[in-house]
Amino acid sequence: MTSVENQMGPRVVVALDYPEAKQALDFVGRIDPTQCRLKVGKELFTLAGPQLVETLVAKGFDVFLDLKFHDIPNTVANACRAASKLGVWMMNIHALGGRRMMEAAREAVETSGSRRPHLIAVTILTSHSEEELGEIGLSGSPAENVVRLANLAQSAGVDGVVCSAQESSVLRAELGNDFMLVTPGIRPASAAVNDQKRIMTPEDAIAAGSSYLVIGRPITAAEDPAGVLLTINSAIGAI
């Protein structure tokens, strides 16, 4: 793992939550890979496939492949190995898949023969409330579940976790600086909340210990996305 203090490059990861590749590529043509990284999720990957990821990588962008693999250990390992060959910067798996699955995924990316991508684990989705967690059999608050799953992921050798920025300070204190905290649910103070429940501003998230900030609509829906990126990067650069 790499110490958070030594991680270089943009800390903003723009979520390409578009329904088709053309829209995503039109947006990408308006921004600079020195200012952000990109996240490709399930909808866009299902529609556009590996070719889009390879195109983005060829344009100089670091790509976070957000497919949240969760299956038996061998299947997840094979999926992670295939994703590594696309040249992605980061990919994720579900911590709820358990220790053996996470260890198999880690071993797969370490032996993929490609540039070794970061492997992070999803703990609890930021859209989940405590009531919803109870409905699926997870007792305790979202924060308590996040801490338990993050500890499990770290012990399995995973590089970090996806978590709410509201849990970042606790996880940073508990798990140390050699653990990546990737936080969705980030909204500049002037932006709409949309469907995220546990949100935080970029400045507050970095101050709380977040390593990377996943931001979607406040940037992708902006009239001047490059300008919004510049404003966010300037704000968090002072933290």
C-alpha atoms as a PDB file:
ATOM      1  CA  MET A   1       0.000   0.000   0.000  1.00  0.00           C
ATOM      2  CA  THR A   2       1.018   3.607  -0.542  1.00  0.00           C
ATOM      3  CA  SER A   3       0.858   6.197   2.221  1.00  0.00           C
ATOM      4  CA  VAL A   4      -1.934   8.711   1.692  1.00  0.00           C
ATOM      5  CA  GLU A   5       0.562  11.553   2.122  1.00  0.00           C
ATOM      6  CA  ASN A   6       2.586  10.212  -0.820  1.00  0.00           C
ATOM      7  CA  GLN A   7      -0.308   9.766  -3.238  1.00  0.00           C
ATOM      8  CA  MET A   8       0.161  12.137  -6.161  1.00  0.00           C
ATOM      9  CA  GLY A   9      -2.188  13.439  -8.788  1.00  0.00           C
ATOM     10  CA  PRO A  10      -5.748  14.763  -8.791  1.00  0.00           C
ATOM     11  CA  ARG A  11      -7.895  13.944  -5.782  1.00  0.00           C
ATOM     12  CA  VAL A  12     -11.214  14.564  -7.544  1.00  0.00           C
ATOM     13  CA  VAL A  13     -12.731  11.571  -9.349  1.00  0.00           C
ATOM     14  CA  VAL A  14     -15.516  12.609 -11.726  1.00  0.00           C
ATOM     15  CA  ALA A  15     -18.354  10.097 -11.960  1.00  0.00           C
ATOM     16  CA  LEU A  16     -19.242   9.567 -15.627  1.00  0.00           C
ATOM     17  CA  ASP A  17     -22.868   8.696 -14.929  1.00  0.00           C
ATOM     18  CA  TYR A  18     -24.033   8.993 -18.516  1.00  0.00           C
ATOM     19  CA  PRO A  19     -26.472   6.724 -20.401  1.00  0.00           C
ATOM     20  CA  GLU A  20     -24.260   6.453 -23.490  1.00  0.00           C
ATOM     21  CA  ALA A  21     -20.614   6.642 -24.485  1.00  0.00           C
ATOM     22  CA  LYS A  22     -20.974   9.666 -26.772  1.00  0.00           C
ATOM     23  CA  GLN A  23     -22.198  11.869 -23.939  1.00  0.00           C
ATOM     24  CA  ALA A  24     -19.368  10.686 -21.714  1.00  0.00           C
ATOM     25  CA  LEU A  25     -16.745  11.330 -24.389  1.00  0.00           C
ATOM     26  CA  ASP A  26     -18.216  14.754 -25.194  1.00  0.00           C
ATOM     27  CA  PHE A  27     -17.838  15.672 -21.537  1.00  0.00           C
ATOM     28  CA  VAL A  28     -14.324  14.244 -21.317  1.00  0.00           C
ATOM     29  CA  GLY A  29     -13.319  16.438 -24.242  1.00  0.00           C
ATOM     30  CA  ARG A  30     -14.029  19.490 -22.073  1.00  0.00           C
ATOM     31  CA  ILE A  31     -11.752  18.580 -19.148  1.00  0.00           C
ATOM     32  CA  ASP A  32      -8.063  17.921 -18.521  1.00  0.00           C
ATOM     33  CA  PRO A  33      -6.606  14.673 -17.110  1.00  0.00           C
ATOM     34  CA  THR A  34      -4.283  16.719 -14.904  1.00  0.00           C
ATOM     35  CA  GLN A  35      -7.325  18.097 -13.067  1.00  0.00           C
ATOM     36  CA  CYS A  36      -9.284  14.940 -12.270  1.00  0.00           C
ATOM     37  CA  ARG A  37      -9.644  11.204 -12.573  1.00  0.00           C
ATOM     38  CA  LEU A  38     -12.726   9.455 -13.990  1.00  0.00           C
ATOM     39  CA  LYS A  39     -15.121   6.862 -12.636  1.00  0.00           C
ATOM     40  CA  VAL A  40     -16.906   4.425 -14.950  1.00  0.00           C
ATOM     41  CA  GLY A  41     -19.823   2.678 -13.287  1.00  0.00           C
ATOM     42  CA  LYS A  42     -22.135  -0.200 -14.092  1.00  0.00           C
ATOM     43  CA  GLU A  43     -24.562   1.553 -16.432  1.00  0.00           C
ATOM     44  CA  LEU A  44     -21.952   3.099 -18.687  1.00  0.00           C
ATOM     45  CA  PHE A  45     -19.724   0.003 -18.652  1.00  0.00           C
ATOM     46  CA  THR A  46     -22.659  -2.230 -19.538  1.00  0.00           C
ATOM     47  CA  LEU A  47     -23.542   0.005 -22.483  1.00  0.00           C
ATOM     48  CA  ALA A  48     -20.071   0.881 -23.755  1.00  0.00           C
ATOM     49  CA  GLY A  49     -17.887  -1.964 -22.508  1.00  0.00           C
ATOM     50  CA  PRO A  50     -14.127  -2.273 -22.075  1.00  0.00           C
ATOM     51  CA  GLN A  51     -13.495  -0.259 -25.232  1.00  0.00           C
ATOM     52  CA  LEU A  52     -14.633   2.950 -23.513  1.00  0.00           C
ATOM     53  CA  VAL A  53     -12.308   2.318 -20.573  1.00  0.00           C
ATOM     54  CA  GLU A  54      -9.402   1.759 -22.947  1.00  0.00           C
ATOM     55  CA  THR A  55     -10.281   4.961 -24.812  1.00  0.00           C
ATOM     56  CA  LEU A  56     -10.281   6.998 -21.605  1.00  0.00           C
ATOM     57  CA  VAL A  57      -6.963   5.499 -20.531  1.00  0.00           C
ATOM     58  CA  ALA A  58      -5.513   6.296 -23.952  1.00  0.00           C
ATOM     59  CA  LYS A  59      -6.597   9.924 -23.492  1.00  0.00           C
ATOM     60  CA  GLY A  60      -4.417  10.090 -20.384  1.00  0.00           C
ATOM     61  CA  PHE A  61      -7.069   9.706 -17.688  1.00  0.00           C
ATOM     62  CA  ASP A  62      -6.749   7.510 -14.618  1.00  0.00           C
ATOM     63  CA  VAL A  63      -9.908   5.389 -14.534  1.00  0.00           C
ATOM     64  CA  PHE A  64     -11.691   4.061 -11.470  1.00  0.00           C
ATOM     65  CA  LEU A  65     -13.714   1.041 -12.643  1.00  0.00           C
ATOM     66  CA  ASP A  66     -16.661   1.025 -10.264  1.00  0.00           C
ATOM     67  CA  LEU A  67     -18.270  -2.394 -10.814  1.00  0.00           C
ATOM     68  CA  LYS A  68     -18.353  -3.545  -7.162  1.00  0.00           C
ATOM     69  CA  PHE A  69     -17.475  -7.178  -7.830  1.00  0.00           C
ATOM     70  CA  HIS A  70     -19.205  -9.573  -5.402  1.00  0.00           C
ATOM     71  CA  ASP A  71     -19.195 -13.299  -6.129  1.00  0.00           C
ATOM     72  CA  ILE A  72     -17.315 -16.446  -5.202  1.00  0.00           C
ATOM     73  CA  PRO A  73     -13.544 -15.849  -4.745  1.00  0.00           C
ATOM     74  CA  ASN A  74     -12.423 -17.405  -8.037  1.00  0.00           C
ATOM     75  CA  THR A  75     -14.957 -15.479 -10.127  1.00  0.00           C
ATOM     76  CA  VAL A  76     -14.065 -12.169  -8.490  1.00  0.00           C
ATOM     77  CA  ALA A  77     -10.343 -12.878  -8.897  1.00  0.00           C
ATOM     78  CA  ASN A  78     -10.798 -13.517 -12.621  1.00  0.00           C
ATOM     79  CA  ALA A  79     -12.864 -10.357 -13.024  1.00  0.00           C
ATOM     80  CA  CYS A  80     -10.205  -8.283 -11.235  1.00  0.00           C
ATOM     81  CA  ARG A  81      -7.484  -9.799 -13.385  1.00  0.00           C
ATOM     82  CA  ALA A  82      -9.428  -8.898 -16.537  1.00  0.00           C
ATOM     83  CA  ALA A  83     -10.024  -5.336 -15.297  1.00  0.00           C
ATOM     84  CA  SER A  84      -6.314  -4.943 -14.558  1.00  0.00           C
ATOM     85  CA  LYS A  85      -5.525  -5.652 -18.195  1.00  0.00           C
ATOM     86  CA  LEU A  86      -7.623  -2.626 -19.220  1.00  0.00           C
ATOM     87  CA  GLY A  87      -5.069  -0.369 -17.552  1.00  0.00           C
ATOM     88  CA  VAL A  88      -7.409   0.973 -14.888  1.00  0.00           C
ATOM     89  CA  TRP A  89      -6.045   3.005 -11.980  1.00  0.00           C
ATOM     90  CA  MET A  90      -8.500   1.640  -9.425  1.00  0.00           C
ATOM     91  CA  MET A  91     -11.273  -0.958  -9.114  1.00  0.00           C
ATOM     92  CA  ASN A  92     -13.567  -2.070  -6.325  1.00  0.00           C
ATOM     93  CA  ILE A  93     -15.135  -5.115  -4.743  1.00  0.00           C
ATOM     94  CA  HIS A  94     -17.733  -5.577  -2.000  1.00  0.00           C
ATOM     95  CA  ALA A  95     -16.353  -6.100   1.499  1.00  0.00           C
ATOM     96  CA  LEU A  96     -19.519  -8.078   2.229  1.00  0.00           C
ATOM     97  CA  GLY A  97     -18.051 -10.757  -0.047  1.00  0.00           C
ATOM     98  CA  GLY A  98     -15.840 -11.745   2.873  1.00  0.00           C
ATOM     99  CA  ARG A  99     -12.169 -12.250   3.621  1.00  0.00           C
ATOM    100  CA  ARG A 100     -11.438 -15.079   1.154  1.00  0.00           C
ATOM    101  CA  MET A 101     -13.010 -13.184  -1.716  1.00  0.00           C
ATOM    102  CA  MET A 102     -11.051 -10.012  -0.923  1.00  0.00           C
ATOM    103  CA  GLU A 103      -7.785 -11.924  -0.563  1.00  0.00           C
ATOM    104  CA  ALA A 104      -8.367 -13.638  -3.907  1.00  0.00           C
ATOM    105  CA  ALA A 105      -9.020 -10.272  -5.553  1.00  0.00           C
ATOM    106  CA  ARG A 106      -5.868  -8.786  -4.044  1.00  0.00           C
ATOM    107  CA  GLU A 107      -3.747 -11.687  -5.256  1.00  0.00           C
ATOM    108  CA  ALA A 108      -5.250 -11.343  -8.743  1.00  0.00           C
ATOM    109  CA  VAL A 109      -4.345  -7.666  -9.153  1.00  0.00           C
ATOM    110  CA  GLU A 110      -0.877  -8.279  -7.727  1.00  0.00           C
ATOM    111  CA  THR A 111      -0.159 -10.968 -10.307  1.00  0.00           C
ATOM    112  CA  SER A 112      -2.011  -9.480 -13.290  1.00  0.00           C
ATOM    113  CA  GLY A 113       1.193  -8.546 -15.086  1.00  0.00           C
ATOM    114  CA  SER A 114      -0.164  -5.061 -15.777  1.00  0.00           C
ATOM    115  CA  ARG A 115       0.314  -1.798 -13.938  1.00  0.00           C
ATOM    116  CA  ARG A 116      -0.943  -2.788 -10.512  1.00  0.00           C
ATOM    117  CA  PRO A 117      -4.274  -0.988  -9.936  1.00  0.00           C
ATOM    118  CA  HIS A 118      -5.495   0.068  -6.529  1.00  0.00           C
ATOM    119  CA  LEU A 119      -8.050  -2.351  -5.087  1.00  0.00           C
ATOM    120  CA  ILE A 120     -10.623  -0.903  -2.725  1.00  0.00           C
ATOM    121  CA  ALA A 121     -13.662  -2.362  -1.016  1.00  0.00           C
ATOM    122  CA  VAL A 122     -17.201  -1.009  -0.785  1.00  0.00           C
ATOM    123  CA  THR A 123     -18.415  -0.965   2.793  1.00  0.00           C
ATOM    124  CA  ILE A 124     -21.936   0.461   3.093  1.00  0.00           C
ATOM    125  CA  LEU A 125     -23.566   2.330   0.209  1.00  0.00           C
ATOM    126  CA  THR A 126     -23.991   6.034   0.938  1.00  0.00           C
ATOM    127  CA  SER A 127     -27.673   5.796  -0.004  1.00  0.00           C
ATOM    128  CA  HIS A 128     -28.396   3.358   2.849  1.00  0.00           C
ATOM    129  CA  SER A 129     -30.036   4.478   6.074  1.00  0.00           C
ATOM    130  CA  GLU A 130     -29.941   2.568   9.366  1.00  0.00           C
ATOM    131  CA  GLU A 131     -33.519   1.409   8.746  1.00  0.00           C
ATOM    132  CA  GLU A 132     -32.574  -0.043   5.367  1.00  0.00           C
ATOM    133  CA  LEU A 133     -29.576  -1.829   6.856  1.00  0.00           C
ATOM    134  CA  GLY A 134     -31.855  -3.417   9.434  1.00  0.00           C
ATOM    135  CA  GLU A 135     -34.154  -4.660   6.691  1.00  0.00           C
ATOM    136  CA  ILE A 136     -31.287  -6.628   5.138  1.00  0.00           C
ATOM    137  CA  GLY A 137     -30.118  -8.030   8.460  1.00  0.00           C
ATOM    138  CA  LEU A 138     -27.253  -5.700   9.378  1.00  0.00           C
ATOM    139  CA  SER A 139     -27.611  -4.445  12.929  1.00  0.00           C
ATOM    140  CA  GLY A 140     -26.166  -1.159  14.111  1.00  0.00           C
ATOM    141  CA  SER A 141     -25.673   2.205  12.480  1.00  0.00           C
ATOM    142  CA  PRO A 142     -24.156   2.731   9.016  1.00  0.00           C
ATOM    143  CA  ALA A 143     -20.997   4.029  10.704  1.00  0.00           C
ATOM    144  CA  GLU A 144     -20.635   0.919  12.888  1.00  0.00           C
ATOM    145  CA  ASN A 145     -21.002  -1.356   9.872  1.00  0.00           C
ATOM    146  CA  VAL A 146     -18.489   0.723   7.897  1.00  0.00           C
ATOM    147  CA  VAL A 147     -15.850   0.442  10.629  1.00  0.00           C
ATOM    148  CA  ARG A 148     -16.296  -3.323  10.940  1.00  0.00           C
ATOM    149  CA  LEU A 149     -16.091  -3.922   7.188  1.00  0.00           C
ATOM    150  CA  ALA A 150     -13.172  -1.519   6.735  1.00  0.00           C
ATOM    151  CA  ASN A 151     -11.170  -3.369   9.370  1.00  0.00           C
ATOM    152  CA  LEU A 152     -11.931  -6.640   7.610  1.00  0.00           C
ATOM    153  CA  ALA A 153     -10.833  -5.188   4.257  1.00  0.00           C
ATOM    154  CA  GLN A 154      -7.569  -3.901   5.707  1.00  0.00           C
ATOM    155  CA  SER A 155      -6.795  -7.248   7.304  1.00  0.00           C
ATOM    156  CA  ALA A 156      -7.417  -8.911   3.920  1.00  0.00           C
ATOM    157  CA  GLY A 157      -4.767  -6.691   2.326  1.00  0.00           C
ATOM    158  CA  VAL A 158      -7.081  -4.402   0.360  1.00  0.00           C
ATOM    159  CA  ASP A 159      -5.700  -0.901  -0.349  1.00  0.00           C
ATOM    160  CA  GLY A 160      -8.661   1.038   1.009  1.00  0.00           C
ATOM    161  CA  VAL A 161     -12.413   1.422   1.114  1.00  0.00           C
ATOM    162  CA  VAL A 162     -15.244   3.394  -0.337  1.00  0.00           C
ATOM    163  CA  CYS A 163     -16.965   5.152   2.541  1.00  0.00           C
ATOM    164  CA  SER A 164     -18.993   8.198   3.428  1.00  0.00           C
ATOM    165  CA  ALA A 165     -16.872  11.258   4.179  1.00  0.00           C
ATOM    166  CA  GLN A 166     -18.714  11.394   7.491  1.00  0.00           C
ATOM    167  CA  GLU A 167     -16.888   8.198   8.479  1.00  0.00           C
ATOM    168  CA  SER A 168     -13.491   9.321   7.184  1.00  0.00           C
ATOM    169  CA  SER A 169     -12.154  10.810  10.398  1.00  0.00           C
ATOM    170  CA  VAL A 170     -13.002   7.670  12.375  1.00  0.00           C
ATOM    171  CA  LEU A 171     -11.508   5.354   9.768  1.00  0.00           C
ATOM    172  CA  ARG A 172      -8.389   7.480   9.360  1.00  0.00           C
ATOM    173  CA  ALA A 173      -7.773   7.390  13.111  1.00  0.00           C
ATOM    174  CA  GLU A 174      -8.486   3.663  13.344  1.00  0.00           C
ATOM    175  CA  LEU A 175      -6.759   2.384  10.212  1.00  0.00           C
ATOM    176  CA  GLY A 176      -3.863   4.824   9.802  1.00  0.00           C
ATOM    177  CA  ASN A 177      -2.443   6.755   6.868  1.00  0.00           C
ATOM    178  CA  ASP A 178      -1.534   3.729   4.732  1.00  0.00           C
ATOM    179  CA  PHE A 179      -5.168   3.144   3.818  1.00  0.00           C
ATOM    180  CA  MET A 180      -7.112   4.845   1.042  1.00  0.00           C
ATOM    181  CA  LEU A 181     -10.493   6.405   1.780  1.00  0.00           C
ATOM    182  CA  VAL A 182     -12.523   7.071  -1.368  1.00  0.00           C
ATOM    183  CA  THR A 183     -15.638   9.079  -0.657  1.00  0.00           C
ATOM    184  CA  PRO A 184     -18.735   9.573  -2.809  1.00  0.00           C
ATOM    185  CA  GLY A 185     -21.582  11.771  -1.626  1.00  0.00           C
ATOM    186  CA  ILE A 186     -19.431  14.887  -2.067  1.00  0.00           C
ATOM    187  CA  ARG A 187     -21.299  18.063  -2.866  1.00  0.00           C
ATOM    188  CA  PRO A 188     -20.037  21.648  -2.987  1.00  0.00           C
ATOM    189  CA  ALA A 189     -22.084  23.783  -0.592  1.00  0.00           C
ATOM    190  CA  SER A 190     -24.132  25.266  -3.452  1.00  0.00           C
ATOM    191  CA  ALA A 191     -24.996  21.920  -5.103  1.00  0.00           C
ATOM    192  CA  ALA A 192     -28.174  19.852  -4.791  1.00  0.00           C
ATOM    193  CA  VAL A 193     -28.151  16.804  -2.503  1.00  0.00           C
ATOM    194  CA  ASN A 194     -29.922  14.520  -5.054  1.00  0.00           C
ATOM    195  CA  ASP A 195     -30.113  10.855  -3.907  1.00  0.00           C
ATOM    196  CA  GLN A 196     -27.161  10.810  -1.501  1.00  0.00           C
ATOM    197  CA  LYS A 197     -28.000  10.740   2.208  1.00  0.00           C
ATOM    198  CA  ARG A 198     -24.601  11.069   3.909  1.00  0.00           C
ATOM    199  CA  ILE A 199     -22.892  13.982   2.176  1.00  0.00           C
ATOM    200  CA  MET A 200     -20.080  16.497   2.848  1.00  0.00           C
ATOM    201  CA  THR A 201     -18.376  19.389   1.060  1.00  0.00           C
ATOM    202  CA  PRO A 202     -15.015  18.755  -0.651  1.00  0.00           C
ATOM    203  CA  GLU A 203     -13.109  20.884   1.855  1.00  0.00           C
ATOM    204  CA  ASP A 204     -14.648  19.167   4.861  1.00  0.00           C
ATOM    205  CA  ALA A 205     -14.096  15.714   3.356  1.00  0.00           C
ATOM    206  CA  ILE A 206     -10.373  16.290   2.800  1.00  0.00           C
ATOM    207  CA  ALA A 207     -10.025  17.764   6.285  1.00  0.00           C
ATOM    208  CA  ALA A 208     -11.755  14.663   7.688  1.00  0.00           C
ATOM    209  CA  GLY A 209      -9.190  12.362   6.081  1.00  0.00           C
ATOM    210  CA  SER A 210     -10.607  11.426   2.682  1.00  0.00           C
ATOM    211  CA  SER A 211      -8.006  10.453   0.078  1.00  0.00           C
ATOM    212  CA  TYR A 212     -10.116  10.870  -3.064  1.00  0.00           C
ATOM    213  CA  LEU A 213     -13.465  12.563  -3.679  1.00  0.00           C
ATOM    214  CA  VAL A 214     -16.038  11.139  -6.099  1.00  0.00           C
ATOM    215  CA  ILE A 215     -18.157  13.945  -7.539  1.00  0.00           C
ATOM    216  CA  GLY A 216     -20.708  13.589 -10.317  1.00  0.00           C
ATOM    217  CA  ARG A 217     -23.510  15.958 -11.232  1.00  0.00           C
ATOM    218  CA  PRO A 218     -22.064  19.139  -9.668  1.00  0.00           C
ATOM    219  CA  ILE A 219     -19.323  18.816 -12.307  1.00  0.00           C
ATOM    220  CA  THR A 220     -20.880  16.875 -15.194  1.00  0.00           C
ATOM    221  CA  ALA A 221     -24.043  19.014 -15.240  1.00  0.00           C
ATOM    222  CA  ALA A 222     -22.180  22.316 -14.941  1.00  0.00           C
ATOM    223  CA  GLU A 223     -22.036  24.787 -17.807  1.00  0.00           C
ATOM    224  CA  ASP A 224     -18.288  25.107 -17.207  1.00  0.00           C
ATOM    225  CA  PRO A 225     -17.055  21.776 -15.777  1.00  0.00           C
ATOM    226  CA  ALA A 226     -13.398  22.773 -16.102  1.00  0.00           C
ATOM    227  CA  GLY A 227     -14.114  25.892 -14.075  1.00  0.00           C
ATOM    228  CA  VAL A 228     -15.901  23.905 -11.375  1.00  0.00           C
ATOM    229  CA  LEU A 229     -12.958  21.507 -11.195  1.00  0.00           C
ATOM    230  CA  LEU A 230     -10.559  24.425 -10.854  1.00  0.00           C
ATOM    231  CA  THR A 231     -12.639  25.874  -8.018  1.00  0.00           C
ATOM    232  CA  ILE A 232     -12.813  22.548  -6.151  1.00  0.00           C
ATOM    233  CA  ASN A 233      -9.119  21.788  -6.648  1.00  0.00           C
ATOM    234  CA  SER A 234      -8.198  25.254  -5.408  1.00  0.00           C
ATOM    235  CA  ALA A 235     -10.379  24.819  -2.336  1.00  0.00           C
ATOM    236  CA  ILE A 236      -9.060  21.408  -1.325  1.00  0.00           C
ATOM    237  CA  GLY A 237      -5.471  22.333  -2.155  1.00  0.00           C
ATOM    238  CA  ALA A 238      -5.461  24.633   0.848  1.00  0.00           C
ATOM    239  CA  ILE A 239      -6.419  21.843   3.277  1.00  0.00           C
END
